[in-house]
Amino acid sequence: MNKRHKILISLLILSLVLLCGCGGDNGGQPAEPDPETDSVSEPQEASPSEEPSSEEETEPIYITFEGTDLEGNPVSQDVFSQSRLTMVNVWATYCNPCLNEMPGLGELTAEYDRSEFQLIGIVSDVWEGEDPALVESLVQETGADYPHLLANDSISQAILSSVSGVPTTFFFDGEGAYLGGVVGSAEKSAWEELINELLEEP
């Protein structure tokens, strides 16, 4: 069994113990699944782009996007090179399961060296140009002290088009290759176990 299949099995097992998530029907945001990509439903693996079903070793999947964090700093797929493992957590301001897991996610970011692990939030229901006051307030209240990006066309096409429920979480390696993803929230300990397993991979 190759590395990719082991990771996908781990993600699938995590998806089976997920607490819950919110549907993606919010006036068109998050974006409707693109028929060209794998859409996701709870609980199952999530993918930001099409995945071959072959048992053979497949080419890595990469995404490209451009956005800004809440401080106005530009962020692109180049951010993945800053850590061996990046967790991208897509959430929404109306989603209680999202908000309930964010304190644990904030704690996780403080427990790892950034060169090993980083977490990025993507707010699926607040777009660039809209007032981010609610997002900023929720981030502060939950202690989710990690970068958060607002939605835009680039992020919608690269990531949100594959999201049908929030929270949805994706993992990428230090070269930006997609490792796998899950739909739904989880306890901090479950995320920590998966993160440690992914970091143990060569």
N, C-alpha and C. Protein backbone atom coordinates (compact mmCIF):
# COMPACT_ATOMS: atom_id res chain seq x y z
N MET A 1 0.86 -1.19 0.00
CA MET A 1 0.00 0.00 0.00
C MET A 1 0.89 1.24 0.00
N ASN A 2 0.69 2.16 -0.97
CA ASN A 2 1.56 3.31 -1.05
C ASN A 2 1.13 4.40 -0.06
N LYS A 3 2.00 5.42 0.05
CA LYS A 3 1.79 6.49 1.03
C LYS A 3 0.44 7.17 0.84
N ARG A 4 0.08 7.45 -0.41
CA ARG A 4 -1.17 8.16 -0.69
C ARG A 4 -2.38 7.36 -0.20
N HIS A 5 -2.37 6.05 -0.45
CA HIS A 5 -3.50 5.23 -0.03
C HIS A 5 -3.59 5.15 1.49
N LYS A 6 -2.45 5.08 2.18
CA LYS A 6 -2.46 5.05 3.64
C LYS A 6 -3.07 6.33 4.19
N ILE A 7 -2.68 7.46 3.61
CA ILE A 7 -3.21 8.75 4.06
C ILE A 7 -4.72 8.83 3.82
N LEU A 8 -5.15 8.40 2.66
CA LEU A 8 -6.58 8.47 2.34
C LEU A 8 -7.40 7.57 3.26
N ILE A 9 -6.84 6.41 3.62
CA ILE A 9 -7.53 5.53 4.56
C ILE A 9 -7.65 6.20 5.92
N SER A 10 -6.57 6.86 6.37
CA SER A 10 -6.60 7.57 7.65
C SER A 10 -7.65 8.67 7.63
N LEU A 11 -7.72 9.40 6.52
CA LEU A 11 -8.70 10.47 6.41
C LEU A 11 -10.12 9.92 6.39
N LEU A 12 -10.31 8.79 5.72
CA LEU A 12 -11.63 8.18 5.68
C LEU A 12 -12.05 7.71 7.07
N ILE A 13 -11.11 7.12 7.81
CA ILE A 13 -11.43 6.70 9.17
C ILE A 13 -11.81 7.90 10.02
N LEU A 14 -11.06 9.01 9.89
CA LEU A 14 -11.41 10.21 10.64
C LEU A 14 -12.79 10.71 10.25
N SER A 15 -13.11 10.63 8.97
CA SER A 15 -14.42 11.14 8.54
C SER A 15 -15.56 10.34 9.17
N LEU A 16 -15.31 9.08 9.50
CA LEU A 16 -16.35 8.26 10.10
C LEU A 16 -16.60 8.60 11.57
N VAL A 17 -15.64 9.29 12.21
CA VAL A 17 -15.83 9.66 13.61
C VAL A 17 -16.09 11.16 13.77
N LEU A 18 -16.37 11.84 12.68
CA LEU A 18 -16.62 13.27 12.74
C LEU A 18 -17.86 13.58 13.55
N LEU A 19 -17.83 14.74 14.17
CA LEU A 19 -18.98 15.15 14.97
C LEU A 19 -20.15 15.55 14.08
N CYS A 20 -19.97 16.55 13.26
CA CYS A 20 -21.03 17.00 12.36
C CYS A 20 -20.53 18.18 11.54
N GLY A 21 -21.36 18.65 10.64
CA GLY A 21 -21.03 19.81 9.83
C GLY A 21 -22.30 20.49 9.39
N CYS A 22 -22.14 21.59 8.68
CA CYS A 22 -23.29 22.35 8.18
C CYS A 22 -23.37 22.18 6.67
N GLY A 23 -24.59 22.17 6.15
CA GLY A 23 -24.78 22.10 4.71
C GLY A 23 -24.27 23.36 4.05
N GLY A 24 -23.99 23.25 2.76
CA GLY A 24 -23.41 24.38 2.05
C GLY A 24 -24.43 25.28 1.39
N ASP A 25 -25.71 25.14 1.67
CA ASP A 25 -26.71 25.96 1.01
C ASP A 25 -26.83 27.30 1.72
N ASN A 26 -26.16 28.29 1.16
CA ASN A 26 -26.16 29.62 1.77
C ASN A 26 -26.21 30.68 0.68
N GLY A 27 -27.29 30.64 -0.10
CA GLY A 27 -27.43 31.62 -1.16
C GLY A 27 -26.35 31.51 -2.21
N GLY A 28 -25.88 30.31 -2.48
CA GLY A 28 -24.83 30.15 -3.48
C GLY A 28 -23.44 30.17 -2.90
N GLN A 29 -23.28 30.44 -1.62
CA GLN A 29 -21.96 30.45 -1.00
C GLN A 29 -21.98 29.51 0.18
N PRO A 30 -21.08 28.58 0.31
CA PRO A 30 -19.97 28.31 -0.59
C PRO A 30 -20.45 27.92 -1.99
N ALA A 31 -19.51 27.97 -2.92
CA ALA A 31 -19.84 27.72 -4.32
C ALA A 31 -20.41 26.33 -4.50
N GLU A 32 -21.31 26.20 -5.47
CA GLU A 32 -21.86 24.90 -5.82
C GLU A 32 -20.75 24.02 -6.36
N PRO A 33 -20.79 22.71 -6.09
CA PRO A 33 -19.76 21.82 -6.62
C PRO A 33 -19.68 21.91 -8.14
N ASP A 34 -18.47 21.92 -8.66
CA ASP A 34 -18.22 21.97 -10.08
C ASP A 34 -18.38 20.55 -10.63
N PRO A 35 -19.17 20.36 -11.69
CA PRO A 35 -19.34 19.02 -12.24
C PRO A 35 -18.03 18.42 -12.73
N GLU A 36 -17.02 19.25 -12.97
CA GLU A 36 -15.73 18.76 -13.42
C GLU A 36 -14.90 18.21 -12.27
N THR A 37 -15.32 18.44 -11.01
CA THR A 37 -14.54 18.00 -9.86
C THR A 37 -15.35 17.04 -9.03
N ASP A 38 -14.68 16.39 -8.07
CA ASP A 38 -15.37 15.51 -7.14
C ASP A 38 -16.09 16.36 -6.11
N SER A 39 -17.40 16.27 -6.02
CA SER A 39 -18.10 16.95 -4.95
C SER A 39 -18.05 16.05 -3.72
N VAL A 40 -18.34 16.64 -2.56
CA VAL A 40 -18.23 15.88 -1.33
C VAL A 40 -19.54 15.91 -0.57
N SER A 41 -19.79 14.89 0.22
CA SER A 41 -20.95 14.86 1.09
C SER A 41 -20.55 14.17 2.38
N GLU A 42 -21.25 14.44 3.46
CA GLU A 42 -20.85 13.95 4.76
C GLU A 42 -21.24 12.50 4.97
N PRO A 43 -20.47 11.72 5.70
CA PRO A 43 -19.05 11.96 5.88
C PRO A 43 -18.27 11.23 4.81
N GLN A 44 -17.33 11.85 4.21
CA GLN A 44 -16.48 11.19 3.24
C GLN A 44 -15.27 12.04 2.96
N GLU A 45 -14.40 11.49 2.15
CA GLU A 45 -13.19 12.22 1.80
C GLU A 45 -13.54 13.42 0.93
N ALA A 46 -12.81 14.50 1.11
CA ALA A 46 -13.00 15.69 0.30
C ALA A 46 -11.80 15.89 -0.60
N SER A 47 -12.01 16.41 -1.79
CA SER A 47 -10.92 16.64 -2.73
C SER A 47 -11.12 17.95 -3.45
N PRO A 48 -10.07 18.79 -3.54
CA PRO A 48 -10.23 20.05 -4.24
C PRO A 48 -10.16 19.92 -5.76
N SER A 49 -9.90 18.73 -6.27
CA SER A 49 -9.92 18.55 -7.71
C SER A 49 -10.11 17.08 -8.02
N GLU A 50 -10.24 16.77 -9.29
CA GLU A 50 -10.55 15.41 -9.71
C GLU A 50 -9.46 14.44 -9.29
N GLU A 51 -9.87 13.29 -8.77
CA GLU A 51 -8.93 12.25 -8.34
C GLU A 51 -9.16 10.98 -9.14
N PRO A 52 -8.11 10.44 -9.77
CA PRO A 52 -8.28 9.18 -10.48
C PRO A 52 -8.59 8.06 -9.50
N SER A 53 -9.34 7.06 -9.94
CA SER A 53 -9.70 5.95 -9.06
C SER A 53 -8.73 4.78 -9.19
N SER A 54 -7.73 4.92 -10.01
CA SER A 54 -6.77 3.83 -10.25
C SER A 54 -6.00 3.50 -8.98
N GLU A 55 -5.67 2.21 -8.83
CA GLU A 55 -4.86 1.77 -7.70
C GLU A 55 -3.39 2.08 -7.93
N GLU A 56 -3.02 2.44 -9.16
CA GLU A 56 -1.64 2.74 -9.46
C GLU A 56 -1.26 4.09 -8.88
N GLU A 57 0.06 4.31 -8.74
CA GLU A 57 0.56 5.60 -8.26
C GLU A 57 0.11 6.68 -9.24
N THR A 58 -0.47 7.73 -8.72
CA THR A 58 -0.99 8.80 -9.57
C THR A 58 -0.14 10.05 -9.42
N GLU A 59 -0.26 10.93 -10.38
CA GLU A 59 0.44 12.21 -10.32
C GLU A 59 -0.15 13.04 -9.18
N PRO A 60 0.69 13.80 -8.47
CA PRO A 60 0.17 14.66 -7.40
C PRO A 60 -0.80 15.71 -7.95
N ILE A 61 -1.74 16.11 -7.11
CA ILE A 61 -2.70 17.15 -7.46
C ILE A 61 -2.27 18.45 -6.80
N TYR A 62 -2.19 19.51 -7.56
CA TYR A 62 -1.81 20.83 -7.06
C TYR A 62 -2.93 21.82 -7.37
N ILE A 63 -3.08 22.83 -6.53
CA ILE A 63 -4.04 23.89 -6.81
C ILE A 63 -3.30 25.23 -6.85
N THR A 64 -3.89 26.18 -7.53
CA THR A 64 -3.35 27.54 -7.54
C THR A 64 -4.47 28.49 -7.13
N PHE A 65 -4.12 29.48 -6.31
CA PHE A 65 -5.09 30.46 -5.89
C PHE A 65 -4.37 31.73 -5.43
N GLU A 66 -5.11 32.82 -5.35
CA GLU A 66 -4.61 34.07 -4.80
C GLU A 66 -5.69 34.65 -3.92
N GLY A 67 -5.29 35.19 -2.77
CA GLY A 67 -6.24 35.81 -1.86
C GLY A 67 -5.51 36.71 -0.90
N THR A 68 -6.24 37.22 0.09
CA THR A 68 -5.64 38.05 1.13
C THR A 68 -6.17 37.59 2.48
N ASP A 69 -5.31 37.71 3.49
CA ASP A 69 -5.76 37.37 4.83
C ASP A 69 -6.47 38.57 5.46
N LEU A 70 -6.92 38.43 6.69
CA LEU A 70 -7.70 39.49 7.33
C LEU A 70 -6.89 40.77 7.56
N GLU A 71 -5.57 40.66 7.54
CA GLU A 71 -4.72 41.85 7.69
C GLU A 71 -4.39 42.47 6.33
N GLY A 72 -4.90 41.89 5.26
CA GLY A 72 -4.65 42.43 3.93
C GLY A 72 -3.39 41.92 3.27
N ASN A 73 -2.72 40.93 3.87
CA ASN A 73 -1.52 40.37 3.27
C ASN A 73 -1.87 39.40 2.15
N PRO A 74 -1.15 39.47 1.03
CA PRO A 74 -1.43 38.54 -0.06
C PRO A 74 -1.02 37.12 0.31
N VAL A 75 -1.84 36.14 -0.08
CA VAL A 75 -1.57 34.72 0.17
C VAL A 75 -1.88 33.95 -1.11
N SER A 76 -0.98 33.05 -1.47
CA SER A 76 -1.20 32.19 -2.64
C SER A 76 -0.80 30.77 -2.27
N GLN A 77 -0.82 29.88 -3.25
CA GLN A 77 -0.42 28.50 -3.02
C GLN A 77 1.04 28.40 -2.56
N ASP A 78 1.82 29.47 -2.74
CA ASP A 78 3.21 29.47 -2.27
C ASP A 78 3.30 29.30 -0.75
N VAL A 79 2.21 29.59 -0.05
CA VAL A 79 2.21 29.46 1.41
C VAL A 79 2.48 28.01 1.85
N PHE A 80 2.15 27.04 1.00
CA PHE A 80 2.36 25.64 1.36
C PHE A 80 3.83 25.32 1.59
N SER A 81 4.73 26.05 0.92
CA SER A 81 6.17 25.79 1.05
C SER A 81 6.73 26.22 2.40
N GLN A 82 5.94 26.92 3.21
CA GLN A 82 6.41 27.41 4.50
C GLN A 82 6.36 26.34 5.59
N SER A 83 5.68 25.22 5.33
CA SER A 83 5.56 24.14 6.31
C SER A 83 5.59 22.78 5.61
N ARG A 84 6.00 21.75 6.35
CA ARG A 84 5.95 20.40 5.79
C ARG A 84 4.52 19.96 5.56
N LEU A 85 3.58 20.47 6.38
CA LEU A 85 2.17 20.08 6.28
C LEU A 85 1.30 21.30 6.52
N THR A 86 0.34 21.51 5.62
CA THR A 86 -0.61 22.61 5.77
C THR A 86 -2.02 22.05 5.81
N MET A 87 -2.76 22.47 6.81
CA MET A 87 -4.17 22.10 6.99
C MET A 87 -5.00 23.32 6.59
N VAL A 88 -5.87 23.17 5.61
CA VAL A 88 -6.75 24.25 5.17
C VAL A 88 -8.16 23.92 5.63
N ASN A 89 -8.67 24.73 6.54
CA ASN A 89 -9.98 24.49 7.14
C ASN A 89 -10.99 25.51 6.59
N VAL A 90 -11.95 25.01 5.82
CA VAL A 90 -12.99 25.86 5.23
C VAL A 90 -14.15 25.92 6.22
N TRP A 91 -14.54 27.14 6.62
CA TRP A 91 -15.60 27.31 7.61
C TRP A 91 -16.53 28.43 7.19
N ALA A 92 -17.60 28.60 7.96
CA ALA A 92 -18.58 29.66 7.68
C ALA A 92 -19.03 30.29 8.99
N THR A 93 -19.41 31.54 8.92
CA THR A 93 -19.79 32.27 10.13
C THR A 93 -21.08 31.75 10.75
N TYR A 94 -21.94 31.09 9.97
CA TYR A 94 -23.22 30.57 10.47
C TYR A 94 -23.11 29.15 11.01
N CYS A 95 -21.93 28.54 10.93
CA CYS A 95 -21.76 27.11 11.19
C CYS A 95 -21.27 26.84 12.61
N ASN A 96 -22.18 26.36 13.48
CA ASN A 96 -21.80 26.07 14.86
C ASN A 96 -20.73 24.99 14.98
N PRO A 97 -20.80 23.88 14.23
CA PRO A 97 -19.71 22.89 14.32
C PRO A 97 -18.35 23.50 13.95
N CYS A 98 -18.35 24.41 12.98
CA CYS A 98 -17.09 25.09 12.60
C CYS A 98 -16.55 25.87 13.79
N LEU A 99 -17.42 26.68 14.38
CA LEU A 99 -17.00 27.55 15.49
C LEU A 99 -16.62 26.73 16.71
N ASN A 100 -17.30 25.61 16.93
CA ASN A 100 -17.00 24.77 18.10
C ASN A 100 -15.62 24.12 18.01
N GLU A 101 -15.15 23.82 16.80
CA GLU A 101 -13.84 23.18 16.69
C GLU A 101 -12.70 24.19 16.59
N MET A 102 -13.01 25.46 16.36
CA MET A 102 -11.96 26.44 16.14
C MET A 102 -11.06 26.69 17.37
N PRO A 103 -11.57 26.66 18.61
CA PRO A 103 -10.64 26.81 19.74
C PRO A 103 -9.58 25.71 19.76
N GLY A 104 -9.96 24.48 19.47
CA GLY A 104 -9.00 23.38 19.41
C GLY A 104 -8.01 23.56 18.27
N LEU A 105 -8.48 24.08 17.14
CA LEU A 105 -7.59 24.32 16.02
C LEU A 105 -6.59 25.41 16.37
N GLY A 106 -7.06 26.44 17.08
CA GLY A 106 -6.15 27.49 17.52
C GLY A 106 -5.07 26.95 18.45
N GLU A 107 -5.45 26.03 19.34
CA GLU A 107 -4.48 25.41 20.24
C GLU A 107 -3.46 24.59 19.45
N LEU A 108 -3.93 23.89 18.43
CA LEU A 108 -3.01 23.08 17.62
C LEU A 108 -1.92 23.92 16.98
N THR A 109 -2.28 25.09 16.48
CA THR A 109 -1.28 25.92 15.80
C THR A 109 -0.17 26.34 16.75
N ALA A 110 -0.50 26.49 18.04
CA ALA A 110 0.51 26.89 19.03
C ALA A 110 1.40 25.73 19.46
N GLU A 111 0.97 24.51 19.19
CA GLU A 111 1.70 23.32 19.66
C GLU A 111 2.74 22.80 18.66
N TYR A 112 2.74 23.33 17.46
CA TYR A 112 3.67 22.86 16.43
C TYR A 112 4.56 24.00 15.95
N ASP A 113 5.79 23.65 15.59
CA ASP A 113 6.66 24.60 14.93
C ASP A 113 6.09 24.88 13.54
N ARG A 114 6.05 26.14 13.15
CA ARG A 114 5.41 26.51 11.88
C ARG A 114 6.11 25.86 10.68
N SER A 115 7.40 25.54 10.82
CA SER A 115 8.08 24.88 9.71
C SER A 115 7.59 23.45 9.53
N GLU A 116 6.96 22.88 10.56
CA GLU A 116 6.41 21.53 10.49
C GLU A 116 4.93 21.52 10.12
N PHE A 117 4.15 22.41 10.74
CA PHE A 117 2.69 22.39 10.54
C PHE A 117 2.14 23.81 10.62
N GLN A 118 1.24 24.10 9.71
CA GLN A 118 0.51 25.37 9.76
C GLN A 118 -0.94 25.14 9.39
N LEU A 119 -1.78 26.04 9.84
CA LEU A 119 -3.22 25.95 9.58
C LEU A 119 -3.69 27.25 8.96
N ILE A 120 -4.51 27.14 7.95
CA ILE A 120 -5.08 28.30 7.28
C ILE A 120 -6.59 28.13 7.24
N GLY A 121 -7.33 29.13 7.66
CA GLY A 121 -8.77 29.11 7.57
C GLY A 121 -9.24 29.83 6.31
N ILE A 122 -10.30 29.32 5.71
CA ILE A 122 -10.95 30.01 4.59
C ILE A 122 -12.41 30.20 4.96
N VAL A 123 -12.85 31.46 4.97
CA VAL A 123 -14.22 31.79 5.34
C VAL A 123 -15.06 31.73 4.07
N SER A 124 -15.94 30.74 3.99
CA SER A 124 -16.65 30.47 2.74
C SER A 124 -17.82 31.41 2.47
N ASP A 125 -18.33 32.09 3.49
CA ASP A 125 -19.53 32.89 3.29
C ASP A 125 -19.30 34.39 3.41
N VAL A 126 -18.05 34.83 3.52
CA VAL A 126 -17.73 36.26 3.52
C VAL A 126 -16.67 36.47 2.44
N TRP A 127 -17.00 37.34 1.50
CA TRP A 127 -16.13 37.54 0.35
C TRP A 127 -15.29 38.80 0.49
N GLU A 128 -14.15 38.79 -0.19
CA GLU A 128 -13.31 39.98 -0.22
C GLU A 128 -14.15 41.18 -0.65
N GLY A 129 -13.97 42.30 0.01
CA GLY A 129 -14.76 43.49 -0.28
C GLY A 129 -15.94 43.67 0.66
N GLU A 130 -16.35 42.58 1.32
CA GLU A 130 -17.42 42.67 2.32
C GLU A 130 -16.82 43.01 3.67
N ASP A 131 -17.64 43.51 4.57
CA ASP A 131 -17.18 43.89 5.91
C ASP A 131 -16.74 42.64 6.67
N PRO A 132 -15.45 42.58 7.08
CA PRO A 132 -14.95 41.39 7.78
C PRO A 132 -15.13 41.46 9.30
N ALA A 133 -15.90 42.42 9.79
CA ALA A 133 -16.00 42.62 11.24
C ALA A 133 -16.49 41.36 11.96
N LEU A 134 -17.51 40.68 11.41
CA LEU A 134 -18.03 39.48 12.05
C LEU A 134 -16.96 38.38 12.08
N VAL A 135 -16.25 38.22 10.98
CA VAL A 135 -15.19 37.22 10.91
C VAL A 135 -14.12 37.51 11.97
N GLU A 136 -13.68 38.75 12.03
CA GLU A 136 -12.65 39.14 12.99
C GLU A 136 -13.12 38.88 14.42
N SER A 137 -14.38 39.17 14.69
CA SER A 137 -14.94 38.95 16.02
C SER A 137 -14.97 37.47 16.37
N LEU A 138 -15.40 36.63 15.43
CA LEU A 138 -15.47 35.19 15.66
C LEU A 138 -14.09 34.58 15.84
N VAL A 139 -13.12 35.04 15.07
CA VAL A 139 -11.75 34.56 15.19
C VAL A 139 -11.21 34.89 16.58
N GLN A 140 -11.48 36.10 17.04
CA GLN A 140 -11.01 36.51 18.37
C GLN A 140 -11.72 35.72 19.47
N GLU A 141 -13.03 35.56 19.35
CA GLU A 141 -13.80 34.84 20.37
C GLU A 141 -13.39 33.38 20.49
N THR A 142 -13.05 32.75 19.37
CA THR A 142 -12.73 31.33 19.38
C THR A 142 -11.24 31.06 19.60
N GLY A 143 -10.43 32.11 19.62
CA GLY A 143 -8.98 31.90 19.78
C GLY A 143 -8.34 31.24 18.59
N ALA A 144 -8.95 31.39 17.42
CA ALA A 144 -8.44 30.77 16.20
C ALA A 144 -7.34 31.66 15.62
N ASP A 145 -6.21 31.68 16.31
CA ASP A 145 -5.11 32.58 15.99
C ASP A 145 -4.22 32.01 14.89
N TYR A 146 -4.77 31.97 13.69
CA TYR A 146 -4.03 31.55 12.51
C TYR A 146 -4.61 32.33 11.34
N PRO A 147 -3.93 32.39 10.20
CA PRO A 147 -4.42 33.18 9.07
C PRO A 147 -5.78 32.69 8.57
N HIS A 148 -6.63 33.64 8.23
CA HIS A 148 -7.94 33.34 7.64
C HIS A 148 -8.07 34.15 6.36
N LEU A 149 -8.50 33.47 5.30
CA LEU A 149 -8.70 34.11 4.01
C LEU A 149 -10.19 34.26 3.74
N LEU A 150 -10.56 35.40 3.16
CA LEU A 150 -11.94 35.58 2.72
C LEU A 150 -12.08 34.99 1.33
N ALA A 151 -13.28 34.58 1.00
CA ALA A 151 -13.54 33.98 -0.31
C ALA A 151 -13.35 35.01 -1.43
N ASN A 152 -12.94 34.53 -2.57
CA ASN A 152 -12.91 35.32 -3.80
C ASN A 152 -13.04 34.35 -4.97
N ASP A 153 -13.01 34.86 -6.18
CA ASP A 153 -13.21 33.99 -7.34
C ASP A 153 -12.11 32.94 -7.46
N SER A 154 -10.87 33.33 -7.18
CA SER A 154 -9.75 32.41 -7.29
C SER A 154 -9.87 31.27 -6.28
N ILE A 155 -10.16 31.61 -5.03
CA ILE A 155 -10.32 30.60 -3.98
C ILE A 155 -11.56 29.75 -4.24
N SER A 156 -12.61 30.38 -4.74
CA SER A 156 -13.83 29.64 -5.05
C SER A 156 -13.58 28.57 -6.10
N GLN A 157 -12.86 28.93 -7.15
CA GLN A 157 -12.59 27.98 -8.22
C GLN A 157 -11.64 26.87 -7.76
N ALA A 158 -10.62 27.22 -6.99
CA ALA A 158 -9.60 26.25 -6.60
C ALA A 158 -10.05 25.33 -5.47
N ILE A 159 -10.85 25.86 -4.52
CA ILE A 159 -11.17 25.10 -3.31
C ILE A 159 -12.66 25.00 -3.05
N LEU A 160 -13.36 26.13 -3.02
CA LEU A 160 -14.76 26.12 -2.60
C LEU A 160 -15.68 25.39 -3.56
N SER A 161 -15.26 25.25 -4.81
CA SER A 161 -16.10 24.54 -5.78
C SER A 161 -16.26 23.06 -5.42
N SER A 162 -15.37 22.54 -4.56
CA SER A 162 -15.45 21.15 -4.13
C SER A 162 -16.09 20.99 -2.76
N VAL A 163 -16.54 22.09 -2.18
CA VAL A 163 -17.08 22.05 -0.82
C VAL A 163 -18.61 22.08 -0.86
N SER A 164 -19.24 21.04 -0.31
CA SER A 164 -20.70 21.03 -0.24
C SER A 164 -21.20 21.12 1.20
N GLY A 165 -20.29 21.08 2.15
CA GLY A 165 -20.64 21.22 3.55
C GLY A 165 -19.46 21.76 4.32
N VAL A 166 -19.73 22.51 5.36
CA VAL A 166 -18.66 23.06 6.19
C VAL A 166 -18.81 22.56 7.61
N PRO A 167 -17.70 22.38 8.33
CA PRO A 167 -16.34 22.58 7.84
C PRO A 167 -15.88 21.45 6.92
N THR A 168 -15.02 21.82 5.98
CA THR A 168 -14.31 20.85 5.15
C THR A 168 -12.83 21.17 5.31
N THR A 169 -12.02 20.15 5.47
CA THR A 169 -10.60 20.35 5.73
C THR A 169 -9.78 19.59 4.69
N PHE A 170 -8.76 20.30 4.16
CA PHE A 170 -7.85 19.72 3.17
C PHE A 170 -6.43 19.74 3.72
N PHE A 171 -5.61 18.79 3.30
CA PHE A 171 -4.21 18.74 3.71
C PHE A 171 -3.32 18.79 2.48
N PHE A 172 -2.21 19.55 2.59
CA PHE A 172 -1.23 19.70 1.52
C PHE A 172 0.16 19.53 2.09
N ASP A 173 1.06 18.95 1.30
CA ASP A 173 2.44 18.82 1.77
C ASP A 173 3.23 20.09 1.46
N GLY A 174 4.53 20.08 1.79
CA GLY A 174 5.35 21.27 1.64
C GLY A 174 5.60 21.67 0.20
N GLU A 175 5.30 20.78 -0.74
CA GLU A 175 5.42 21.12 -2.15
C GLU A 175 4.09 21.54 -2.75
N GLY A 176 3.05 21.55 -1.91
CA GLY A 176 1.73 21.96 -2.37
C GLY A 176 0.89 20.83 -2.95
N ALA A 177 1.35 19.58 -2.80
CA ALA A 177 0.59 18.44 -3.32
C ALA A 177 -0.55 18.12 -2.35
N TYR A 178 -1.72 17.89 -2.91
CA TYR A 178 -2.90 17.54 -2.12
C TYR A 178 -2.75 16.14 -1.54
N LEU A 179 -2.97 16.02 -0.21
CA LEU A 179 -2.84 14.73 0.47
C LEU A 179 -4.17 14.07 0.76
N GLY A 180 -5.23 14.86 0.92
CA GLY A 180 -6.54 14.32 1.24
C GLY A 180 -7.34 15.32 2.03
N GLY A 181 -8.61 14.98 2.30
CA GLY A 181 -9.45 15.91 3.04
C GLY A 181 -10.69 15.21 3.57
N VAL A 182 -11.34 15.87 4.52
CA VAL A 182 -12.55 15.33 5.13
C VAL A 182 -13.58 16.43 5.30
N VAL A 183 -14.85 16.02 5.35
CA VAL A 183 -15.95 16.94 5.60
C VAL A 183 -16.44 16.72 7.02
N GLY A 184 -16.60 17.80 7.77
CA GLY A 184 -17.13 17.72 9.12
C GLY A 184 -16.12 18.17 10.15
N SER A 185 -16.60 18.41 11.36
CA SER A 185 -15.72 18.84 12.45
C SER A 185 -15.25 17.64 13.24
N ALA A 186 -14.16 17.83 13.97
CA ALA A 186 -13.62 16.75 14.80
C ALA A 186 -13.02 17.35 16.06
N GLU A 187 -12.85 16.51 17.07
CA GLU A 187 -12.19 16.93 18.30
C GLU A 187 -10.72 17.22 18.02
N LYS A 188 -10.14 18.07 18.82
CA LYS A 188 -8.72 18.41 18.69
C LYS A 188 -7.86 17.16 18.68
N SER A 189 -8.15 16.20 19.56
CA SER A 189 -7.32 14.99 19.66
C SER A 189 -7.33 14.18 18.36
N ALA A 190 -8.47 14.15 17.66
CA ALA A 190 -8.55 13.42 16.40
C ALA A 190 -7.70 14.10 15.33
N TRP A 191 -7.78 15.44 15.27
CA TRP A 191 -6.95 16.18 14.32
C TRP A 191 -5.48 15.98 14.65
N GLU A 192 -5.14 16.04 15.94
CA GLU A 192 -3.76 15.91 16.36
C GLU A 192 -3.19 14.55 15.95
N GLU A 193 -3.97 13.51 16.12
CA GLU A 193 -3.52 12.17 15.74
C GLU A 193 -3.24 12.09 14.24
N LEU A 194 -4.13 12.67 13.44
CA LEU A 194 -3.95 12.64 12.00
C LEU A 194 -2.75 13.49 11.58
N ILE A 195 -2.61 14.67 12.17
CA ILE A 195 -1.47 15.54 11.86
C ILE A 195 -0.16 14.83 12.15
N ASN A 196 -0.07 14.21 13.32
CA ASN A 196 1.16 13.51 13.70
C ASN A 196 1.45 12.35 12.73
N GLU A 197 0.41 11.66 12.31
CA GLU A 197 0.59 10.56 11.36
C GLU A 197 1.11 11.08 10.02
N LEU A 198 0.55 12.19 9.57
CA LEU A 198 1.00 12.77 8.30
C LEU A 198 2.43 13.28 8.40
N LEU A 199 2.79 13.84 9.55
CA LEU A 199 4.15 14.36 9.72
C LEU A 199 5.18 13.23 9.84
N GLU A 200 4.73 12.06 10.24
CA GLU A 200 5.65 10.92 10.34
C GLU A 200 5.99 10.33 8.98
N GLU A 201 5.17 10.63 7.98
CA GLU A 201 5.47 10.14 6.63
C GLU A 201 6.74 10.77 6.12
N PRO A 202 7.60 10.02 5.41
CA PRO A 202 8.87 10.59 4.90
C PRO A 202 8.63 11.65 3.85
